[in-house]
């Protein structure tokens, strides 16, 4: 389940593939290790672009705290989950934007 959206097997497999092959957070560049969990973020949100839900190029590894921070920022700024919104967030927070 992803914020009220049920994921199918193909979506879960795509997310697991990216998670397994990711070594660091795409925004902070912190390595994933004990205490720094990897979350997989849909660059173009599933509710905005369900056709991209299984596209690994639409999946980005983020540390748990940054992923939570981004979604809280989206809600508080009344934004949609899009590539442009994520870039805006990353620039504002001085995070990496080359992903």
N, C-alpha and C. Protein backbone atom coordinates (compact mmCIF):
# COMPACT_ATOMS: atom_id res chain seq x y z
N UNK A 1 0.85 -1.17 0.00
CA UNK A 1 0.00 0.00 0.00
C UNK A 1 0.90 1.24 0.00
N UNK A 2 0.58 2.19 -0.84
CA UNK A 2 1.37 3.42 -0.95
C UNK A 2 0.41 4.59 -0.81
N UNK A 3 0.35 5.19 0.38
CA UNK A 3 -0.53 6.33 0.64
C UNK A 3 -1.89 6.18 -0.03
N UNK A 4 -2.58 5.07 0.27
CA UNK A 4 -3.92 4.85 -0.25
C UNK A 4 -3.98 4.22 -1.62
N UNK A 5 -2.83 3.93 -2.23
CA UNK A 5 -2.79 3.31 -3.55
C UNK A 5 -2.21 1.92 -3.40
N UNK A 6 -2.94 0.94 -3.88
CA UNK A 6 -2.46 -0.44 -3.78
C UNK A 6 -1.48 -0.70 -4.92
N UNK A 7 -0.31 -1.22 -4.57
CA UNK A 7 0.72 -1.52 -5.57
C UNK A 7 0.55 -2.94 -6.07
N UNK A 8 0.80 -3.13 -7.36
CA UNK A 8 0.75 -4.49 -7.90
C UNK A 8 2.14 -5.11 -7.85
N UNK A 9 2.21 -6.38 -8.20
CA UNK A 9 3.47 -7.14 -8.11
C UNK A 9 4.58 -6.49 -8.94
N UNK A 10 4.25 -6.01 -10.12
CA UNK A 10 5.26 -5.39 -11.00
C UNK A 10 5.82 -4.10 -10.37
N UNK A 11 4.96 -3.32 -9.75
CA UNK A 11 5.41 -2.09 -9.09
C UNK A 11 6.34 -2.41 -7.92
N UNK A 12 5.96 -3.40 -7.14
CA UNK A 12 6.78 -3.81 -6.00
C UNK A 12 8.13 -4.32 -6.46
N UNK A 13 8.15 -5.11 -7.52
CA UNK A 13 9.42 -5.65 -8.05
C UNK A 13 10.33 -4.53 -8.54
N UNK A 14 9.76 -3.53 -9.21
CA UNK A 14 10.56 -2.40 -9.69
C UNK A 14 11.19 -1.65 -8.52
N UNK A 15 10.40 -1.42 -7.48
CA UNK A 15 10.90 -0.72 -6.30
C UNK A 15 11.97 -1.53 -5.59
N UNK A 16 11.77 -2.84 -5.48
CA UNK A 16 12.76 -3.71 -4.84
C UNK A 16 14.07 -3.72 -5.63
N UNK A 17 13.97 -3.71 -6.96
CA UNK A 17 15.16 -3.70 -7.81
C UNK A 17 16.00 -2.44 -7.54
N UNK A 18 15.34 -1.29 -7.54
CA UNK A 18 16.06 -0.03 -7.32
C UNK A 18 16.65 -0.01 -5.91
N UNK A 19 15.88 -0.44 -4.93
CA UNK A 19 16.37 -0.45 -3.55
C UNK A 19 17.60 -1.34 -3.40
N UNK A 20 17.54 -2.52 -3.99
CA UNK A 20 18.65 -3.49 -3.90
C UNK A 20 19.93 -2.95 -4.54
N UNK A 21 19.78 -2.14 -5.59
CA UNK A 21 20.93 -1.65 -6.34
C UNK A 21 21.35 -0.23 -5.98
N UNK A 22 20.81 0.31 -4.91
CA UNK A 22 21.12 1.68 -4.51
C UNK A 22 22.03 1.68 -3.29
N UNK A 23 23.05 2.49 -3.35
CA UNK A 23 24.03 2.57 -2.26
C UNK A 23 23.89 3.83 -1.41
N UNK A 24 23.25 4.88 -1.99
CA UNK A 24 23.16 6.14 -1.25
C UNK A 24 21.89 6.91 -1.63
N UNK A 25 21.54 7.87 -0.80
CA UNK A 25 20.39 8.75 -1.04
C UNK A 25 20.72 9.65 -2.23
N UNK A 26 19.80 9.73 -3.18
CA UNK A 26 20.03 10.54 -4.38
C UNK A 26 20.09 12.04 -4.08
N UNK A 27 19.50 12.48 -2.98
CA UNK A 27 19.50 13.91 -2.67
C UNK A 27 20.60 14.32 -1.71
N UNK A 28 20.85 13.53 -0.68
CA UNK A 28 21.87 13.90 0.31
C UNK A 28 23.22 13.25 0.04
N UNK A 29 23.22 12.21 -0.76
CA UNK A 29 24.39 11.39 -1.08
C UNK A 29 24.90 10.60 0.13
N UNK A 30 24.12 10.57 1.22
CA UNK A 30 24.49 9.76 2.39
C UNK A 30 24.36 8.28 2.03
N UNK A 31 25.36 7.48 2.40
CA UNK A 31 25.26 6.04 2.12
C UNK A 31 24.20 5.39 3.01
N UNK A 32 23.51 4.41 2.43
CA UNK A 32 22.55 3.64 3.21
C UNK A 32 23.32 2.67 4.09
N UNK A 33 22.99 2.66 5.36
CA UNK A 33 23.65 1.80 6.34
C UNK A 33 22.73 1.69 7.53
N UNK A 34 23.19 1.06 8.57
CA UNK A 34 22.37 0.94 9.77
C UNK A 34 21.99 2.34 10.25
N UNK A 35 20.72 2.56 10.42
CA UNK A 35 20.24 3.86 10.87
C UNK A 35 19.84 4.79 9.74
N UNK A 36 20.23 4.48 8.51
CA UNK A 36 19.83 5.29 7.36
C UNK A 36 19.13 4.36 6.37
N UNK A 37 17.80 4.35 6.45
CA UNK A 37 17.00 3.44 5.62
C UNK A 37 16.76 4.01 4.23
N UNK A 38 16.71 3.12 3.26
CA UNK A 38 16.42 3.48 1.88
C UNK A 38 14.92 3.40 1.63
N UNK A 39 14.36 4.49 1.17
CA UNK A 39 12.97 4.53 0.71
C UNK A 39 13.02 4.78 -0.80
N UNK A 40 12.07 4.22 -1.51
CA UNK A 40 12.01 4.44 -2.96
C UNK A 40 10.90 5.44 -3.25
N UNK A 41 11.28 6.52 -3.92
CA UNK A 41 10.36 7.61 -4.25
C UNK A 41 10.01 7.56 -5.73
N UNK A 42 8.73 7.73 -6.04
CA UNK A 42 8.29 7.88 -7.43
C UNK A 42 8.47 9.35 -7.80
N UNK A 43 9.34 9.64 -8.74
CA UNK A 43 9.62 11.03 -9.14
C UNK A 43 8.33 11.68 -9.62
N UNK A 44 7.68 11.04 -10.57
CA UNK A 44 6.33 11.44 -10.98
C UNK A 44 5.41 10.55 -10.16
N UNK A 45 4.62 11.14 -9.28
CA UNK A 45 3.80 10.38 -8.35
C UNK A 45 2.88 9.36 -9.02
N UNK A 46 2.60 8.29 -8.32
CA UNK A 46 1.74 7.23 -8.85
C UNK A 46 0.35 7.78 -9.15
N UNK A 47 -0.16 8.66 -8.30
CA UNK A 47 -1.49 9.22 -8.56
C UNK A 47 -1.47 10.19 -9.74
N UNK A 48 -0.33 10.85 -9.98
CA UNK A 48 -0.21 11.77 -11.11
C UNK A 48 0.09 11.03 -12.41
N UNK A 49 0.96 10.02 -12.35
CA UNK A 49 1.39 9.29 -13.55
C UNK A 49 1.45 7.79 -13.28
N UNK A 50 0.30 7.13 -13.17
CA UNK A 50 0.30 5.69 -12.89
C UNK A 50 1.02 4.87 -13.96
N UNK A 51 1.12 5.41 -15.18
CA UNK A 51 1.81 4.71 -16.27
C UNK A 51 3.31 4.60 -16.02
N UNK A 52 3.86 5.40 -15.12
CA UNK A 52 5.29 5.37 -14.82
C UNK A 52 5.61 4.63 -13.52
N UNK A 53 4.61 4.05 -12.90
CA UNK A 53 4.79 3.42 -11.58
C UNK A 53 5.83 2.31 -11.58
N UNK A 54 6.01 1.60 -12.69
CA UNK A 54 6.97 0.49 -12.73
C UNK A 54 8.24 0.84 -13.51
N UNK A 55 8.35 2.06 -13.97
CA UNK A 55 9.53 2.48 -14.73
C UNK A 55 10.66 2.81 -13.75
N UNK A 56 11.74 2.03 -13.80
CA UNK A 56 12.84 2.25 -12.85
C UNK A 56 13.47 3.64 -13.00
N UNK A 57 13.33 4.26 -14.16
CA UNK A 57 13.85 5.62 -14.35
C UNK A 57 13.01 6.66 -13.60
N UNK A 58 11.83 6.24 -13.14
CA UNK A 58 10.96 7.11 -12.37
C UNK A 58 11.09 6.86 -10.87
N UNK A 59 12.00 6.00 -10.48
CA UNK A 59 12.18 5.65 -9.07
C UNK A 59 13.52 6.17 -8.57
N UNK A 60 13.50 6.76 -7.39
CA UNK A 60 14.69 7.40 -6.84
C UNK A 60 14.89 6.95 -5.40
N UNK A 61 16.10 6.48 -5.07
CA UNK A 61 16.36 6.08 -3.68
C UNK A 61 16.60 7.31 -2.80
N UNK A 62 15.83 7.40 -1.74
CA UNK A 62 15.97 8.51 -0.79
C UNK A 62 16.10 7.96 0.62
N UNK A 63 16.80 8.69 1.49
CA UNK A 63 16.80 8.28 2.89
C UNK A 63 15.41 8.59 3.46
N UNK A 64 15.05 7.79 4.43
CA UNK A 64 13.71 7.86 5.01
C UNK A 64 13.34 9.28 5.45
N UNK A 65 14.25 9.96 6.15
CA UNK A 65 13.92 11.30 6.66
C UNK A 65 13.72 12.31 5.54
N UNK A 66 14.50 12.23 4.48
CA UNK A 66 14.35 13.15 3.34
C UNK A 66 13.05 12.85 2.59
N UNK A 67 12.73 11.58 2.44
CA UNK A 67 11.49 11.19 1.77
C UNK A 67 10.28 11.74 2.53
N UNK A 68 10.30 11.59 3.84
CA UNK A 68 9.22 12.12 4.68
C UNK A 68 9.17 13.64 4.60
N UNK A 69 10.34 14.27 4.68
CA UNK A 69 10.42 15.74 4.59
C UNK A 69 9.85 16.24 3.27
N UNK A 70 10.17 15.55 2.16
CA UNK A 70 9.67 15.97 0.85
C UNK A 70 8.14 15.90 0.81
N UNK A 71 7.57 14.79 1.24
CA UNK A 71 6.11 14.65 1.17
C UNK A 71 5.41 15.64 2.09
N UNK A 72 6.00 15.95 3.24
CA UNK A 72 5.42 16.98 4.11
C UNK A 72 5.50 18.35 3.44
N UNK A 73 6.62 18.61 2.75
CA UNK A 73 6.80 19.86 2.02
C UNK A 73 5.77 19.98 0.90
N UNK A 74 5.54 18.89 0.18
CA UNK A 74 4.55 18.87 -0.91
C UNK A 74 3.17 19.23 -0.36
N UNK A 75 2.80 18.60 0.76
CA UNK A 75 1.48 18.84 1.35
C UNK A 75 1.37 20.28 1.84
N UNK A 76 2.37 20.76 2.57
CA UNK A 76 2.29 22.11 3.14
C UNK A 76 2.32 23.20 2.06
N UNK A 77 2.92 22.89 0.92
CA UNK A 77 2.97 23.86 -0.19
C UNK A 77 1.91 23.59 -1.25
N UNK A 78 1.04 22.63 -0.98
CA UNK A 78 -0.06 22.27 -1.89
C UNK A 78 0.44 22.02 -3.31
N UNK A 79 1.46 21.16 -3.40
CA UNK A 79 2.07 20.81 -4.69
C UNK A 79 1.69 19.39 -5.07
N UNK A 80 1.95 19.03 -6.31
CA UNK A 80 1.81 17.65 -6.78
C UNK A 80 3.18 17.00 -6.75
N UNK A 81 3.20 15.68 -6.75
CA UNK A 81 4.46 14.93 -6.76
C UNK A 81 4.91 14.80 -8.21
N UNK A 82 5.85 15.66 -8.60
CA UNK A 82 6.36 15.68 -9.97
C UNK A 82 7.88 15.88 -9.94
N UNK A 83 8.51 15.66 -11.09
CA UNK A 83 9.95 15.89 -11.22
C UNK A 83 10.28 17.36 -10.91
N UNK A 84 9.49 18.28 -11.45
CA UNK A 84 9.74 19.71 -11.24
C UNK A 84 9.63 20.08 -9.76
N UNK A 85 8.64 19.52 -9.09
CA UNK A 85 8.46 19.80 -7.66
C UNK A 85 9.62 19.25 -6.85
N UNK A 86 10.08 18.05 -7.19
CA UNK A 86 11.21 17.46 -6.47
C UNK A 86 12.48 18.28 -6.70
N UNK A 87 12.70 18.75 -7.93
CA UNK A 87 13.86 19.61 -8.21
C UNK A 87 13.78 20.90 -7.39
N UNK A 88 12.60 21.49 -7.34
CA UNK A 88 12.39 22.73 -6.57
C UNK A 88 12.73 22.49 -5.10
N UNK A 89 12.19 21.41 -4.54
CA UNK A 89 12.47 21.04 -3.15
C UNK A 89 13.97 20.85 -2.93
N UNK A 90 14.62 20.11 -3.82
CA UNK A 90 16.05 19.82 -3.68
C UNK A 90 16.88 21.10 -3.72
N UNK A 91 16.55 22.00 -4.64
CA UNK A 91 17.28 23.27 -4.73
C UNK A 91 17.07 24.11 -3.47
N UNK A 92 15.83 24.16 -3.01
CA UNK A 92 15.50 24.95 -1.82
C UNK A 92 16.25 24.44 -0.58
N UNK A 93 16.40 23.13 -0.48
CA UNK A 93 17.06 22.51 0.67
C UNK A 93 18.56 22.32 0.46
N UNK A 94 19.05 22.74 -0.71
CA UNK A 94 20.47 22.61 -1.08
C UNK A 94 20.91 21.15 -1.16
N UNK A 95 20.02 20.32 -1.69
CA UNK A 95 20.31 18.91 -1.92
C UNK A 95 20.78 18.73 -3.36
N UNK A 96 21.29 17.57 -3.65
CA UNK A 96 21.74 17.20 -4.99
C UNK A 96 20.55 17.24 -5.96
N UNK A 97 20.80 17.74 -7.17
CA UNK A 97 19.74 17.80 -8.18
C UNK A 97 20.10 17.05 -9.46
N UNK A 98 21.26 16.44 -9.50
CA UNK A 98 21.68 15.68 -10.70
C UNK A 98 21.38 14.20 -10.52
N UNK A 99 20.13 13.83 -10.79
CA UNK A 99 19.72 12.44 -10.69
C UNK A 99 18.87 12.08 -11.87
